[in-house]
Amino acid sequence: MQEINPFKHNNDDYTDVVAAVFVDNGAVFAAQRGYGEYKGFWEFPGGKIEKGETQKQALIREIKEELEVDLSDDALEYFDTFYHVYPNLKVALHMYVVEGKPKDFELREHLSYRWVHLENISSLKWLASTYQILDALEEKGILR
């Protein structure tokens, strides 16, 4: 599958971000932010695409930085792109699914993690941009 152009929205107001949805038996890997304005909120690990990086290159780098996990290009399956406007930031979230649990990971930027099934989603305080992603994961049968 050809990689989606990270700048397809043609709007410089949006910050391009990539994130990984690790999936294992219908559960998703949730990470609790450990810093910044949204400290304590839950999200999928990832981060900003740097100039000159492809989405996959950025995601491989971010997962290494945040979880100390080496991902291969082949492990990343493009899922979809979602848009969200925060009070001080507009983001284009390019989401990738990774099958299975990350092996021997270390939380380097997060406070905690959980494997979450659909019935437990509402027990976590997610970043506002994440709710549309959770809905799409449920709709596609990835999150059960």
N, C-alpha and C. Protein backbone atom coordinates (compact mmCIF):
# COMPACT_ATOMS: atom_id res chain seq x y z
N MET A 1 0.84 -1.18 0.00
CA MET A 1 0.00 0.00 0.00
C MET A 1 0.88 1.24 0.00
N GLN A 2 0.53 2.20 -0.84
CA GLN A 2 1.30 3.43 -0.92
C GLN A 2 1.01 4.30 0.30
N GLU A 3 2.04 4.92 0.81
CA GLU A 3 1.87 5.77 1.99
C GLU A 3 1.10 7.04 1.64
N ILE A 4 0.22 7.41 2.52
CA ILE A 4 -0.60 8.61 2.34
C ILE A 4 0.29 9.84 2.49
N ASN A 5 0.05 10.84 1.67
CA ASN A 5 0.79 12.09 1.77
C ASN A 5 0.42 12.79 3.07
N PRO A 6 1.40 13.03 3.96
CA PRO A 6 1.08 13.64 5.25
C PRO A 6 0.56 15.07 5.14
N PHE A 7 0.69 15.68 4.00
CA PHE A 7 0.28 17.07 3.86
C PHE A 7 -0.91 17.20 2.91
N LYS A 8 -1.73 16.15 2.82
CA LYS A 8 -2.85 16.13 1.89
C LYS A 8 -3.92 17.16 2.21
N HIS A 9 -3.97 17.64 3.45
CA HIS A 9 -5.00 18.60 3.82
C HIS A 9 -4.70 19.98 3.25
N ASN A 10 -3.47 20.18 2.72
CA ASN A 10 -3.08 21.45 2.09
C ASN A 10 -3.39 22.66 2.95
N ASN A 11 -3.17 22.51 4.22
CA ASN A 11 -3.45 23.61 5.14
C ASN A 11 -2.31 23.69 6.14
N ASP A 12 -1.52 24.73 6.03
CA ASP A 12 -0.36 24.87 6.91
C ASP A 12 -0.75 25.12 8.37
N ASP A 13 -2.04 25.36 8.62
CA ASP A 13 -2.49 25.57 9.98
C ASP A 13 -2.51 24.28 10.79
N TYR A 14 -2.49 23.13 10.10
CA TYR A 14 -2.56 21.84 10.78
C TYR A 14 -1.16 21.29 11.03
N THR A 15 -0.97 20.74 12.23
CA THR A 15 0.27 20.05 12.57
C THR A 15 0.05 18.57 12.30
N ASP A 16 0.94 17.97 11.52
CA ASP A 16 0.83 16.55 11.19
C ASP A 16 1.43 15.70 12.30
N VAL A 17 0.63 14.77 12.78
CA VAL A 17 1.00 13.89 13.88
C VAL A 17 0.72 12.46 13.46
N VAL A 18 1.57 11.53 13.91
CA VAL A 18 1.36 10.10 13.67
C VAL A 18 1.21 9.40 15.01
N ALA A 19 0.43 8.33 15.03
CA ALA A 19 0.28 7.56 16.26
C ALA A 19 0.03 6.10 15.92
N ALA A 20 0.42 5.23 16.85
CA ALA A 20 0.27 3.79 16.68
C ALA A 20 -0.84 3.28 17.59
N VAL A 21 -1.72 2.48 17.01
CA VAL A 21 -2.74 1.78 17.78
C VAL A 21 -2.29 0.33 17.85
N PHE A 22 -1.64 -0.03 18.95
CA PHE A 22 -1.27 -1.43 19.16
C PHE A 22 -2.55 -2.18 19.52
N VAL A 23 -2.80 -3.29 18.84
CA VAL A 23 -4.02 -4.06 19.03
C VAL A 23 -3.67 -5.50 19.37
N ASP A 24 -4.32 -6.03 20.42
CA ASP A 24 -4.12 -7.42 20.80
C ASP A 24 -5.46 -7.99 21.28
N ASN A 25 -5.99 -8.96 20.55
CA ASN A 25 -7.26 -9.61 20.91
C ASN A 25 -8.38 -8.62 21.20
N GLY A 26 -8.53 -7.61 20.36
CA GLY A 26 -9.61 -6.64 20.50
C GLY A 26 -9.36 -5.55 21.51
N ALA A 27 -8.23 -5.57 22.19
CA ALA A 27 -7.87 -4.51 23.13
C ALA A 27 -6.84 -3.60 22.48
N VAL A 28 -6.84 -2.33 22.90
CA VAL A 28 -5.86 -1.37 22.39
C VAL A 28 -4.96 -0.90 23.53
N PHE A 29 -3.74 -0.55 23.17
CA PHE A 29 -2.74 -0.06 24.12
C PHE A 29 -2.96 1.43 24.32
N ALA A 30 -3.27 1.83 25.53
CA ALA A 30 -3.48 3.23 25.88
C ALA A 30 -2.33 3.69 26.77
N ALA A 31 -1.84 4.89 26.51
CA ALA A 31 -0.73 5.45 27.29
C ALA A 31 -1.19 6.76 27.92
N GLN A 32 -0.82 6.97 29.18
CA GLN A 32 -1.21 8.17 29.92
C GLN A 32 -0.10 9.20 29.82
N ARG A 33 -0.43 10.37 29.26
CA ARG A 33 0.57 11.43 29.06
C ARG A 33 1.24 11.80 30.38
N GLY A 34 2.54 12.01 30.31
CA GLY A 34 3.30 12.32 31.51
C GLY A 34 3.80 13.75 31.58
N TYR A 35 3.36 14.61 30.68
CA TYR A 35 3.91 15.97 30.65
C TYR A 35 2.93 16.93 29.97
N GLY A 36 3.18 18.19 30.13
CA GLY A 36 2.49 19.23 29.38
C GLY A 36 1.07 19.52 29.84
N GLU A 37 0.42 20.32 29.03
CA GLU A 37 -0.93 20.80 29.32
C GLU A 37 -1.94 19.66 29.50
N TYR A 38 -1.72 18.56 28.81
CA TYR A 38 -2.66 17.43 28.87
C TYR A 38 -2.12 16.26 29.67
N LYS A 39 -1.24 16.54 30.61
CA LYS A 39 -0.71 15.51 31.49
C LYS A 39 -1.85 14.76 32.17
N GLY A 40 -1.75 13.43 32.19
CA GLY A 40 -2.77 12.61 32.83
C GLY A 40 -3.84 12.11 31.88
N PHE A 41 -3.96 12.72 30.71
CA PHE A 41 -4.92 12.25 29.71
C PHE A 41 -4.37 11.02 29.00
N TRP A 42 -5.26 10.22 28.44
CA TRP A 42 -4.87 8.99 27.75
C TRP A 42 -4.84 9.22 26.25
N GLU A 43 -3.91 8.51 25.58
CA GLU A 43 -3.71 8.69 24.15
C GLU A 43 -3.07 7.44 23.57
N PHE A 44 -2.88 7.46 22.25
CA PHE A 44 -2.09 6.45 21.57
C PHE A 44 -0.69 7.03 21.37
N PRO A 45 0.36 6.22 21.57
CA PRO A 45 1.72 6.76 21.46
C PRO A 45 2.04 7.23 20.04
N GLY A 46 2.81 8.30 19.96
CA GLY A 46 3.21 8.87 18.68
C GLY A 46 3.63 10.30 18.87
N GLY A 47 3.69 11.05 17.78
CA GLY A 47 4.10 12.44 17.89
C GLY A 47 4.16 13.13 16.55
N LYS A 48 4.75 14.32 16.54
CA LYS A 48 4.81 15.16 15.36
C LYS A 48 5.74 14.60 14.29
N ILE A 49 5.35 14.82 13.05
CA ILE A 49 6.21 14.49 11.92
C ILE A 49 7.20 15.63 11.74
N GLU A 50 8.48 15.28 11.69
CA GLU A 50 9.50 16.30 11.49
C GLU A 50 9.72 16.53 10.01
N LYS A 51 10.22 17.70 9.68
CA LYS A 51 10.47 18.07 8.28
C LYS A 51 11.35 17.01 7.61
N GLY A 52 10.92 16.54 6.45
CA GLY A 52 11.68 15.57 5.68
C GLY A 52 11.34 14.12 6.00
N GLU A 53 10.54 13.87 7.04
CA GLU A 53 10.17 12.51 7.41
C GLU A 53 8.88 12.09 6.70
N THR A 54 8.79 10.80 6.40
CA THR A 54 7.51 10.24 5.99
C THR A 54 6.73 9.93 7.27
N GLN A 55 5.47 9.62 7.11
CA GLN A 55 4.67 9.25 8.27
C GLN A 55 5.28 8.05 8.98
N LYS A 56 5.64 7.03 8.23
CA LYS A 56 6.19 5.81 8.84
C LYS A 56 7.52 6.07 9.52
N GLN A 57 8.38 6.86 8.91
CA GLN A 57 9.66 7.19 9.54
C GLN A 57 9.43 7.92 10.86
N ALA A 58 8.49 8.85 10.87
CA ALA A 58 8.19 9.61 12.09
C ALA A 58 7.64 8.68 13.17
N LEU A 59 6.75 7.77 12.80
CA LEU A 59 6.15 6.89 13.78
C LEU A 59 7.18 5.91 14.36
N ILE A 60 8.04 5.38 13.53
CA ILE A 60 9.10 4.48 14.00
C ILE A 60 10.00 5.23 14.99
N ARG A 61 10.35 6.48 14.66
CA ARG A 61 11.19 7.29 15.56
C ARG A 61 10.46 7.58 16.87
N GLU A 62 9.21 8.00 16.78
CA GLU A 62 8.44 8.35 17.98
C GLU A 62 8.25 7.15 18.92
N ILE A 63 7.96 5.98 18.37
CA ILE A 63 7.76 4.79 19.20
C ILE A 63 9.07 4.39 19.86
N LYS A 64 10.17 4.56 19.17
CA LYS A 64 11.49 4.30 19.77
C LYS A 64 11.74 5.27 20.92
N GLU A 65 11.43 6.55 20.72
CA GLU A 65 11.65 7.57 21.74
C GLU A 65 10.73 7.37 22.95
N GLU A 66 9.47 7.02 22.71
CA GLU A 66 8.49 6.95 23.79
C GLU A 66 8.44 5.60 24.50
N LEU A 67 8.68 4.52 23.76
CA LEU A 67 8.53 3.18 24.34
C LEU A 67 9.79 2.32 24.28
N GLU A 68 10.83 2.83 23.62
CA GLU A 68 12.07 2.06 23.45
C GLU A 68 11.79 0.75 22.71
N VAL A 69 10.91 0.85 21.71
CA VAL A 69 10.53 -0.31 20.88
C VAL A 69 10.93 -0.03 19.44
N ASP A 70 11.55 -1.02 18.81
CA ASP A 70 11.92 -0.92 17.40
C ASP A 70 10.80 -1.53 16.56
N LEU A 71 10.19 -0.70 15.73
CA LEU A 71 9.16 -1.18 14.81
C LEU A 71 9.72 -1.23 13.40
N SER A 72 9.24 -2.17 12.62
CA SER A 72 9.62 -2.21 11.22
C SER A 72 8.55 -1.53 10.39
N ASP A 73 8.93 -1.05 9.25
CA ASP A 73 8.02 -0.42 8.32
C ASP A 73 6.84 -1.34 8.00
N ASP A 74 7.13 -2.64 7.85
CA ASP A 74 6.10 -3.63 7.50
C ASP A 74 5.07 -3.84 8.61
N ALA A 75 5.41 -3.52 9.84
CA ALA A 75 4.50 -3.73 10.97
C ALA A 75 3.41 -2.66 11.04
N LEU A 76 3.58 -1.57 10.30
CA LEU A 76 2.67 -0.44 10.37
C LEU A 76 1.63 -0.51 9.25
N GLU A 77 0.36 -0.60 9.63
CA GLU A 77 -0.73 -0.63 8.66
C GLU A 77 -1.53 0.67 8.79
N TYR A 78 -1.52 1.46 7.71
CA TYR A 78 -2.24 2.73 7.74
C TYR A 78 -3.72 2.46 8.02
N PHE A 79 -4.30 3.24 8.95
CA PHE A 79 -5.70 3.09 9.31
C PHE A 79 -6.54 4.23 8.74
N ASP A 80 -6.22 5.47 9.11
CA ASP A 80 -7.01 6.61 8.65
C ASP A 80 -6.37 7.88 9.17
N THR A 81 -6.84 9.02 8.67
CA THR A 81 -6.40 10.32 9.15
C THR A 81 -7.61 11.04 9.74
N PHE A 82 -7.41 11.63 10.91
CA PHE A 82 -8.46 12.34 11.63
C PHE A 82 -8.00 13.76 11.90
N TYR A 83 -8.95 14.68 11.95
CA TYR A 83 -8.62 16.09 12.18
C TYR A 83 -9.29 16.55 13.46
N HIS A 84 -8.55 17.36 14.22
CA HIS A 84 -9.12 17.89 15.45
C HIS A 84 -8.55 19.29 15.69
N VAL A 85 -9.40 20.15 16.23
CA VAL A 85 -8.98 21.51 16.55
C VAL A 85 -9.03 21.68 18.07
N TYR A 86 -7.85 21.86 18.66
CA TYR A 86 -7.73 22.22 20.07
C TYR A 86 -7.75 23.74 20.15
N PRO A 87 -7.91 24.30 21.36
CA PRO A 87 -7.93 25.77 21.48
C PRO A 87 -6.69 26.45 20.90
N ASN A 88 -5.54 25.80 20.99
CA ASN A 88 -4.30 26.43 20.52
C ASN A 88 -3.57 25.64 19.44
N LEU A 89 -4.22 24.61 18.86
CA LEU A 89 -3.54 23.76 17.90
C LEU A 89 -4.54 22.99 17.06
N LYS A 90 -4.26 22.93 15.75
CA LYS A 90 -5.03 22.09 14.84
C LYS A 90 -4.14 20.91 14.46
N VAL A 91 -4.67 19.68 14.59
CA VAL A 91 -3.85 18.52 14.28
C VAL A 91 -4.51 17.64 13.22
N ALA A 92 -3.67 17.08 12.37
CA ALA A 92 -4.06 16.01 11.44
C ALA A 92 -3.40 14.76 11.99
N LEU A 93 -4.22 13.83 12.48
CA LEU A 93 -3.72 12.62 13.15
C LEU A 93 -3.72 11.46 12.16
N HIS A 94 -2.54 11.03 11.77
CA HIS A 94 -2.38 9.92 10.84
C HIS A 94 -2.16 8.66 11.67
N MET A 95 -3.15 7.78 11.66
CA MET A 95 -3.16 6.63 12.56
C MET A 95 -2.74 5.34 11.84
N TYR A 96 -1.94 4.55 12.54
CA TYR A 96 -1.48 3.25 12.05
C TYR A 96 -1.81 2.18 13.08
N VAL A 97 -2.22 1.03 12.59
CA VAL A 97 -2.48 -0.11 13.47
C VAL A 97 -1.25 -1.00 13.47
N VAL A 98 -0.90 -1.48 14.66
CA VAL A 98 0.20 -2.43 14.83
C VAL A 98 -0.38 -3.63 15.56
N GLU A 99 -0.36 -4.79 14.93
CA GLU A 99 -0.90 -6.00 15.55
C GLU A 99 0.05 -6.54 16.61
N GLY A 100 -0.49 -6.87 17.77
CA GLY A 100 0.29 -7.49 18.83
C GLY A 100 0.79 -6.49 19.86
N LYS A 101 1.30 -7.07 20.94
CA LYS A 101 1.82 -6.26 22.04
C LYS A 101 3.26 -5.85 21.77
N PRO A 102 3.59 -4.60 22.13
CA PRO A 102 5.01 -4.22 22.00
C PRO A 102 5.84 -5.04 22.99
N LYS A 103 6.95 -5.56 22.52
CA LYS A 103 7.78 -6.43 23.35
C LYS A 103 8.81 -5.62 24.14
N ASP A 104 8.97 -5.95 25.41
CA ASP A 104 10.00 -5.34 26.25
C ASP A 104 10.04 -3.82 26.15
N PHE A 105 8.88 -3.20 26.30
CA PHE A 105 8.84 -1.74 26.18
C PHE A 105 9.12 -1.07 27.53
N GLU A 106 9.48 0.19 27.43
CA GLU A 106 9.74 1.01 28.62
C GLU A 106 9.03 2.34 28.42
N LEU A 107 8.21 2.75 29.37
CA LEU A 107 7.54 4.04 29.29
C LEU A 107 8.56 5.15 29.54
N ARG A 108 8.86 5.92 28.53
CA ARG A 108 9.84 6.99 28.68
C ARG A 108 9.21 8.37 28.78
N GLU A 109 7.97 8.51 28.31
CA GLU A 109 7.30 9.82 28.35
C GLU A 109 5.90 9.74 28.95
N HIS A 110 5.47 8.55 29.30
CA HIS A 110 4.12 8.36 29.82
C HIS A 110 4.16 7.92 31.28
N LEU A 111 3.08 8.19 31.99
CA LEU A 111 2.97 7.82 33.41
C LEU A 111 2.58 6.37 33.59
N SER A 112 1.73 5.88 32.70
CA SER A 112 1.16 4.55 32.87
C SER A 112 0.66 4.05 31.52
N TYR A 113 0.27 2.79 31.49
CA TYR A 113 -0.34 2.23 30.28
C TYR A 113 -1.41 1.23 30.70
N ARG A 114 -2.31 0.93 29.78
CA ARG A 114 -3.33 -0.09 29.98
C ARG A 114 -3.70 -0.70 28.64
N TRP A 115 -4.09 -1.97 28.69
CA TRP A 115 -4.73 -2.62 27.54
C TRP A 115 -6.21 -2.48 27.78
N VAL A 116 -6.92 -1.85 26.85
CA VAL A 116 -8.31 -1.48 27.08
C VAL A 116 -9.22 -2.12 26.03
N HIS A 117 -10.27 -2.78 26.51
CA HIS A 117 -11.34 -3.29 25.64
C HIS A 117 -12.45 -2.26 25.59
N LEU A 118 -13.34 -2.43 24.66
CA LEU A 118 -14.43 -1.50 24.43
C LEU A 118 -15.20 -1.16 25.71
N GLU A 119 -15.52 -2.16 26.52
CA GLU A 119 -16.34 -1.91 27.71
C GLU A 119 -15.64 -1.04 28.76
N ASN A 120 -14.31 -0.86 28.63
CA ASN A 120 -13.56 -0.05 29.60
C ASN A 120 -13.11 1.31 29.06
N ILE A 121 -13.45 1.60 27.82
CA ILE A 121 -13.00 2.85 27.19
C ILE A 121 -13.41 4.07 27.99
N SER A 122 -14.64 4.10 28.46
CA SER A 122 -15.14 5.29 29.15
C SER A 122 -14.54 5.48 30.54
N SER A 123 -13.80 4.49 31.03
CA SER A 123 -13.18 4.63 32.35
C SER A 123 -11.93 5.50 32.31
N LEU A 124 -11.46 5.83 31.11
CA LEU A 124 -10.25 6.65 30.95
C LEU A 124 -10.61 8.03 30.43
N LYS A 125 -9.83 9.03 30.83
CA LYS A 125 -10.01 10.39 30.35
C LYS A 125 -9.08 10.59 29.15
N TRP A 126 -9.63 10.44 27.95
CA TRP A 126 -8.87 10.49 26.71
C TRP A 126 -8.68 11.93 26.24
N LEU A 127 -7.63 12.15 25.46
CA LEU A 127 -7.50 13.43 24.76
C LEU A 127 -8.71 13.60 23.86
N ALA A 128 -9.19 14.81 23.71
CA ALA A 128 -10.40 15.07 22.92
C ALA A 128 -10.29 14.54 21.49
N SER A 129 -9.12 14.62 20.90
CA SER A 129 -8.94 14.17 19.52
C SER A 129 -9.07 12.66 19.36
N THR A 130 -8.99 11.93 20.45
CA THR A 130 -8.96 10.47 20.41
C THR A 130 -10.34 9.84 20.27
N TYR A 131 -11.38 10.52 20.68
CA TYR A 131 -12.72 9.91 20.67
C TYR A 131 -13.18 9.50 19.28
N GLN A 132 -12.91 10.32 18.27
CA GLN A 132 -13.30 9.96 16.91
C GLN A 132 -12.51 8.74 16.42
N ILE A 133 -11.29 8.60 16.88
CA ILE A 133 -10.47 7.44 16.51
C ILE A 133 -11.02 6.18 17.17
N LEU A 134 -11.38 6.29 18.45
CA LEU A 134 -11.97 5.15 19.15
C LEU A 134 -13.26 4.70 18.49
N ASP A 135 -14.09 5.65 18.07
CA ASP A 135 -15.34 5.31 17.37
C ASP A 135 -15.05 4.56 16.07
N ALA A 136 -14.06 5.02 15.31
CA ALA A 136 -13.72 4.35 14.05
C ALA A 136 -13.14 2.97 14.29
N LEU A 137 -12.32 2.81 15.33
CA LEU A 137 -11.77 1.49 15.66
C LEU A 137 -12.88 0.52 16.04
N GLU A 138 -13.87 1.01 16.76
CA GLU A 138 -15.02 0.17 17.12
C GLU A 138 -15.83 -0.19 15.88
N GLU A 139 -16.08 0.80 15.04
CA GLU A 139 -16.88 0.58 13.83
C GLU A 139 -16.24 -0.47 12.91
N LYS A 140 -14.92 -0.46 12.84
CA LYS A 140 -14.19 -1.42 11.97
C LYS A 140 -13.98 -2.77 12.65
N GLY A 141 -14.41 -2.90 13.91
CA GLY A 141 -14.27 -4.18 14.62
C GLY A 141 -12.88 -4.43 15.17
N ILE A 142 -12.04 -3.40 15.16
CA ILE A 142 -10.67 -3.54 15.68
C ILE A 142 -10.69 -3.49 17.21
N LEU A 143 -11.48 -2.57 17.75
CA LEU A 143 -11.66 -2.43 19.19
C LEU A 143 -12.95 -3.15 19.56
N ARG A 144 -12.81 -4.16 20.44
CA ARG A 144 -14.00 -4.97 20.81
C ARG A 144 -14.11 -5.05 22.31
